[in-house]
Structure formats: C-alpha cells, structure tokens
PDB file of N, CA and C in Angstrom:
ATOM      1  N   MET A   1       0.846  -1.172   0.000  1.00  0.00           N
ATOM      2  CA  MET A   1       0.000   0.000   0.000  1.00  0.00           C
ATOM      3  C   MET A   1       0.897   1.243   0.000  1.00  0.00           C
ATOM      4  N   THR A   2       0.533   2.213  -0.802  1.00  0.00           N
ATOM      5  CA  THR A   2       1.341   3.433  -0.887  1.00  0.00           C
ATOM      6  C   THR A   2       0.925   4.422   0.197  1.00  0.00           C
ATOM      7  N   ALA A   3       1.773   5.414   0.403  1.00  0.00           N
ATOM      8  CA  ALA A   3       1.479   6.457   1.381  1.00  0.00           C
ATOM      9  C   ALA A   3       0.199   7.203   1.011  1.00  0.00           C
ATOM     10  N   GLU A   4      -0.001   7.424  -0.275  1.00  0.00           N
ATOM     11  CA  GLU A   4      -1.196   8.139  -0.720  1.00  0.00           C
ATOM     12  C   GLU A   4      -2.461   7.328  -0.426  1.00  0.00           C
ATOM     13  N   GLN A   5      -2.402   6.026  -0.641  1.00  0.00           N
ATOM     14  CA  GLN A   5      -3.542   5.157  -0.337  1.00  0.00           C
ATOM     15  C   GLN A   5      -3.834   5.156   1.160  1.00  0.00           C
ATOM     16  N   LEU A   6      -2.763   5.088   1.943  1.00  0.00           N
ATOM     17  CA  LEU A   6      -2.946   5.121   3.394  1.00  0.00           C
ATOM     18  C   LEU A   6      -3.577   6.429   3.841  1.00  0.00           C
ATOM     19  N   LEU A   7      -3.143   7.536   3.281  1.00  0.00           N
ATOM     20  CA  LEU A   7      -3.732   8.821   3.650  1.00  0.00           C
ATOM     21  C   LEU A   7      -5.218   8.874   3.316  1.00  0.00           C
ATOM     22  N   ARG A   8      -5.593   8.318   2.165  1.00  0.00           N
ATOM     23  CA  ARG A   8      -7.020   8.276   1.802  1.00  0.00           C
ATOM     24  C   ARG A   8      -7.785   7.404   2.802  1.00  0.00           C
ATOM     25  N   ASN A   9      -7.217   6.252   3.130  1.00  0.00           N
ATOM     26  CA  ASN A   9      -7.868   5.360   4.090  1.00  0.00           C
ATOM     27  C   ASN A   9      -7.975   5.998   5.473  1.00  0.00           C
ATOM     28  N   ILE A  10      -6.940   6.717   5.870  1.00  0.00           N
ATOM     29  CA  ILE A  10      -6.955   7.419   7.151  1.00  0.00           C
ATOM     30  C   ILE A  10      -8.080   8.443   7.176  1.00  0.00           C
ATOM     31  N   GLU A  11      -8.194   9.212   6.128  1.00  0.00           N
ATOM     32  CA  GLU A  11      -9.238  10.241   6.070  1.00  0.00           C
ATOM     33  C   GLU A  11     -10.634   9.615   6.073  1.00  0.00           C
ATOM     34  N   GLU A  12     -10.824   8.536   5.328  1.00  0.00           N
ATOM     35  CA  GLU A  12     -12.127   7.858   5.293  1.00  0.00           C
ATOM     36  C   GLU A  12     -12.473   7.298   6.675  1.00  0.00           C
ATOM     37  N   CYS A  13     -11.506   6.700   7.320  1.00  0.00           N
ATOM     38  CA  CYS A  13     -11.736   6.116   8.637  1.00  0.00           C
ATOM     39  C   CYS A  13     -12.017   7.216   9.667  1.00  0.00           C
ATOM     40  N   ARG A  14     -11.298   8.303   9.579  1.00  0.00           N
ATOM     41  CA  ARG A  14     -11.511   9.431  10.494  1.00  0.00           C
ATOM     42  C   ARG A  14     -12.930   9.979  10.343  1.00  0.00           C
ATOM     43  N   GLU A  15     -13.362  10.155   9.100  1.00  0.00           N
ATOM     44  CA  GLU A  15     -14.710  10.662   8.849  1.00  0.00           C
ATOM     45  C   GLU A  15     -15.777   9.689   9.357  1.00  0.00           C
ATOM     46  N   ARG A  16     -15.540   8.378   9.151  1.00  0.00           N
ATOM     47  CA  ARG A  16     -16.477   7.361   9.631  1.00  0.00           C
ATOM     48  C   ARG A  16     -16.568   7.399  11.154  1.00  0.00           C
ATOM     49  N   MET A  17     -15.414   7.530  11.823  1.00  0.00           N
ATOM     50  CA  MET A  17     -15.396   7.571  13.273  1.00  0.00           C
ATOM     51  C   MET A  17     -16.141   8.797  13.793  1.00  0.00           C
ATOM     52  N   ILE A  18     -15.912   9.941  13.183  1.00  0.00           N
ATOM     53  CA  ILE A  18     -16.600  11.172  13.596  1.00  0.00           C
ATOM     54  C   ILE A  18     -18.100  11.038  13.395  1.00  0.00           C
ATOM     55  N   ASP A  19     -18.482  10.468  12.257  1.00  0.00           N
ATOM     56  CA  ASP A  19     -19.900  10.275  11.967  1.00  0.00           C
ATOM     57  C   ASP A  19     -20.546   9.348  13.005  1.00  0.00           C
ATOM     58  N   LEU A  20     -19.896   8.243  13.287  1.00  0.00           N
ATOM     59  CA  LEU A  20     -20.416   7.306  14.284  1.00  0.00           C
ATOM     60  C   LEU A  20     -20.533   7.964  15.656  1.00  0.00           C
ATOM     61  N   ALA A  21     -19.528   8.728  16.032  1.00  0.00           N
ATOM     62  CA  ALA A  21     -19.517   9.367  17.350  1.00  0.00           C
ATOM     63  C   ALA A  21     -20.593  10.444  17.464  1.00  0.00           C
ATOM     64  N   SER A  22     -20.957  11.050  16.344  1.00  0.00           N
ATOM     65  CA  SER A  22     -21.968  12.108  16.401  1.00  0.00           C
ATOM     66  C   SER A  22     -23.363  11.541  16.660  1.00  0.00           C
ATOM     67  N   TYR A  23     -23.556  10.240  16.418  1.00  0.00           N
ATOM     68  CA  TYR A  23     -24.849   9.604  16.646  1.00  0.00           C
ATOM     69  C   TYR A  23     -24.867   8.694  17.864  1.00  0.00           C
ATOM     70  N   SER A  24     -23.744   8.599  18.554  1.00  0.00           N
ATOM     71  CA  SER A  24     -23.673   7.752  19.739  1.00  0.00           C
ATOM     72  C   SER A  24     -22.654   8.358  20.694  1.00  0.00           C
ATOM     73  N   SER A  25     -22.134   7.562  21.585  1.00  0.00           N
ATOM     74  CA  SER A  25     -21.133   8.066  22.520  1.00  0.00           C
ATOM     75  C   SER A  25     -19.737   7.638  22.073  1.00  0.00           C
ATOM     76  N   MET A  26     -18.751   8.271  22.664  1.00  0.00           N
ATOM     77  CA  MET A  26     -17.363   7.966  22.315  1.00  0.00           C
ATOM     78  C   MET A  26     -16.952   6.570  22.786  1.00  0.00           C
ATOM     79  N   VAL A  27     -17.713   5.971  23.666  1.00  0.00           N
ATOM     80  CA  VAL A  27     -17.379   4.627  24.156  1.00  0.00           C
ATOM     81  C   VAL A  27     -18.213   3.549  23.463  1.00  0.00           C
ATOM     82  N   ASP A  28     -19.013   3.941  22.485  1.00  0.00           N
ATOM     83  CA  ASP A  28     -19.773   2.969  21.707  1.00  0.00           C
ATOM     84  C   ASP A  28     -18.809   2.006  21.019  1.00  0.00           C
ATOM     85  N   HIS A  29     -19.203   0.750  20.945  1.00  0.00           N
ATOM     86  CA  HIS A  29     -18.350  -0.301  20.380  1.00  0.00           C
ATOM     87  C   HIS A  29     -17.870   0.048  18.959  1.00  0.00           C
ATOM     88  N   GLN A  30     -18.752   0.535  18.110  1.00  0.00           N
ATOM     89  CA  GLN A  30     -18.383   0.861  16.727  1.00  0.00           C
ATOM     90  C   GLN A  30     -17.407   2.029  16.675  1.00  0.00           C
ATOM     91  N   VAL A  31     -17.576   3.000  17.552  1.00  0.00           N
ATOM     92  CA  VAL A  31     -16.655   4.144  17.592  1.00  0.00           C
ATOM     93  C   VAL A  31     -15.268   3.684  18.033  1.00  0.00           C
ATOM     94  N   VAL A  32     -15.225   2.833  19.033  1.00  0.00           N
ATOM     95  CA  VAL A  32     -13.943   2.305  19.518  1.00  0.00           C
ATOM     96  C   VAL A  32     -13.258   1.484  18.429  1.00  0.00           C
ATOM     97  N   GLU A  33     -14.027   0.669  17.699  1.00  0.00           N
ATOM     98  CA  GLU A  33     -13.447  -0.110  16.603  1.00  0.00           C
ATOM     99  C   GLU A  33     -12.878   0.804  15.517  1.00  0.00           C
ATOM    100  N   ALA A  34     -13.617   1.856  15.169  1.00  0.00           N
ATOM    101  CA  ALA A  34     -13.142   2.794  14.150  1.00  0.00           C
ATOM    102  C   ALA A  34     -11.883   3.507  14.633  1.00  0.00           C
ATOM    103  N   SER A  35     -11.851   3.862  15.897  1.00  0.00           N
ATOM    104  CA  SER A  35     -10.675   4.529  16.465  1.00  0.00           C
ATOM    105  C   SER A  35      -9.464   3.600  16.443  1.00  0.00           C
ATOM    106  N   THR A  36      -9.668   2.343  16.765  1.00  0.00           N
ATOM    107  CA  THR A  36      -8.582   1.354  16.735  1.00  0.00           C
ATOM    108  C   THR A  36      -8.062   1.179  15.312  1.00  0.00           C
ATOM    109  N   GLU A  37      -8.983   1.099  14.363  1.00  0.00           N
ATOM    110  CA  GLU A  37      -8.589   0.974  12.957  1.00  0.00           C
ATOM    111  C   GLU A  37      -7.810   2.210  12.508  1.00  0.00           C
ATOM    112  N   LEU A  38      -8.266   3.380  12.931  1.00  0.00           N
ATOM    113  CA  LEU A  38      -7.577   4.620  12.580  1.00  0.00           C
ATOM    114  C   LEU A  38      -6.157   4.625  13.149  1.00  0.00           C
ATOM    115  N   ASP A  39      -6.004   4.193  14.382  1.00  0.00           N
ATOM    116  CA  ASP A  39      -4.670   4.096  14.987  1.00  0.00           C
ATOM    117  C   ASP A  39      -3.756   3.183  14.180  1.00  0.00           C
ATOM    118  N   LYS A  40      -4.289   2.044  13.752  1.00  0.00           N
ATOM    119  CA  LYS A  40      -3.487   1.103  12.968  1.00  0.00           C
ATOM    120  C   LYS A  40      -3.048   1.720  11.635  1.00  0.00           C
ATOM    121  N   LEU A  41      -3.976   2.412  10.989  1.00  0.00           N
ATOM    122  CA  LEU A  41      -3.643   3.047   9.711  1.00  0.00           C
ATOM    123  C   LEU A  41      -2.579   4.131   9.886  1.00  0.00           C
ATOM    124  N   ILE A  42      -2.720   4.922  10.930  1.00  0.00           N
ATOM    125  CA  ILE A  42      -1.741   5.981  11.194  1.00  0.00           C
ATOM    126  C   ILE A  42      -0.368   5.368  11.481  1.00  0.00           C
ATOM    127  N   ASN A  43      -0.343   4.299  12.265  1.00  0.00           N
ATOM    128  CA  ASN A  43       0.933   3.631  12.557  1.00  0.00           C
ATOM    129  C   ASN A  43       1.564   3.071  11.288  1.00  0.00           C
ATOM    130  N   GLN A  44       0.745   2.492  10.406  1.00  0.00           N
ATOM    131  CA  GLN A  44       1.263   1.987   9.130  1.00  0.00           C
ATOM    132  C   GLN A  44       1.849   3.131   8.304  1.00  0.00           C
ATOM    133  N   TYR A  45       1.165   4.246   8.292  1.00  0.00           N
ATOM    134  CA  TYR A  45       1.641   5.408   7.525  1.00  0.00           C
ATOM    135  C   TYR A  45       2.978   5.898   8.075  1.00  0.00           C
ATOM    136  N   ILE A  46       3.076   6.009   9.373  1.00  0.00           N
ATOM    137  CA  ILE A  46       4.333   6.461   9.999  1.00  0.00           C
ATOM    138  C   ILE A  46       5.458   5.494   9.676  1.00  0.00           C
ATOM    139  N   TYR A  47       5.196   4.194   9.809  1.00  0.00           N
ATOM    140  CA  TYR A  47       6.215   3.193   9.509  1.00  0.00           C
ATOM    141  C   TYR A  47       6.663   3.284   8.051  1.00  0.00           C
ATOM    142  N   LEU A  48       5.697   3.398   7.152  1.00  0.00           N
ATOM    143  CA  LEU A  48       6.005   3.461   5.730  1.00  0.00           C
ATOM    144  C   LEU A  48       6.816   4.705   5.379  1.00  0.00           C
ATOM    145  N   THR A  49       6.436   5.837   5.921  1.00  0.00           N
ATOM    146  CA  THR A  49       7.124   7.086   5.554  1.00  0.00           C
ATOM    147  C   THR A  49       8.486   7.211   6.216  1.00  0.00           C
ATOM    148  N   LYS A  50       8.694   6.563   7.348  1.00  0.00           N
ATOM    149  CA  LYS A  50      10.016   6.597   7.983  1.00  0.00           C
ATOM    150  C   LYS A  50      11.019   5.734   7.226  1.00  0.00           C
ATOM    151  N   LYS A  51      10.523   4.688   6.546  1.00  0.00           N
ATOM    152  CA  LYS A  51      11.410   3.810   5.791  1.00  0.00           C
ATOM    153  C   LYS A  51      11.970   4.501   4.545  1.00  0.00           C
ATOM    154  N   GLN A  52      11.254   5.475   4.039  1.00  0.00           N
ATOM    155  CA  GLN A  52      11.661   6.109   2.774  1.00  0.00           C
ATOM    156  C   GLN A  52      12.758   7.108   2.952  1.00  0.00           C
TER     157      GLN A  52
END
C-alpha cells in the first residue's frame, strides 16, 4: 500500500469515526473499533514514511 492510499484510508476512517460518534457516545463499540482501525492506519503510515 502506498502512502497516498494510506492517507485516503486514514481520512475515510476518520470521517467514519466522527460520523459514528456524532450519533452515539465515544465509548460505543463501533466508535472504539473505528478509532482502533484509525490508529493502525496511522501507525502503518508512519512506519512506511520513515522507511523512505
């Protein structure tokens, strides 16, 4: 996966998490899952860009 793809995925996941949180609480299971996924994507992006 390229850095550009990761950035798109990060933005999509961030928007999904915000949307979910606006209709529920920050501790809702789906919000926590989206936040965890966002963390993983950000970590992948950092790892990928540090290697270059």
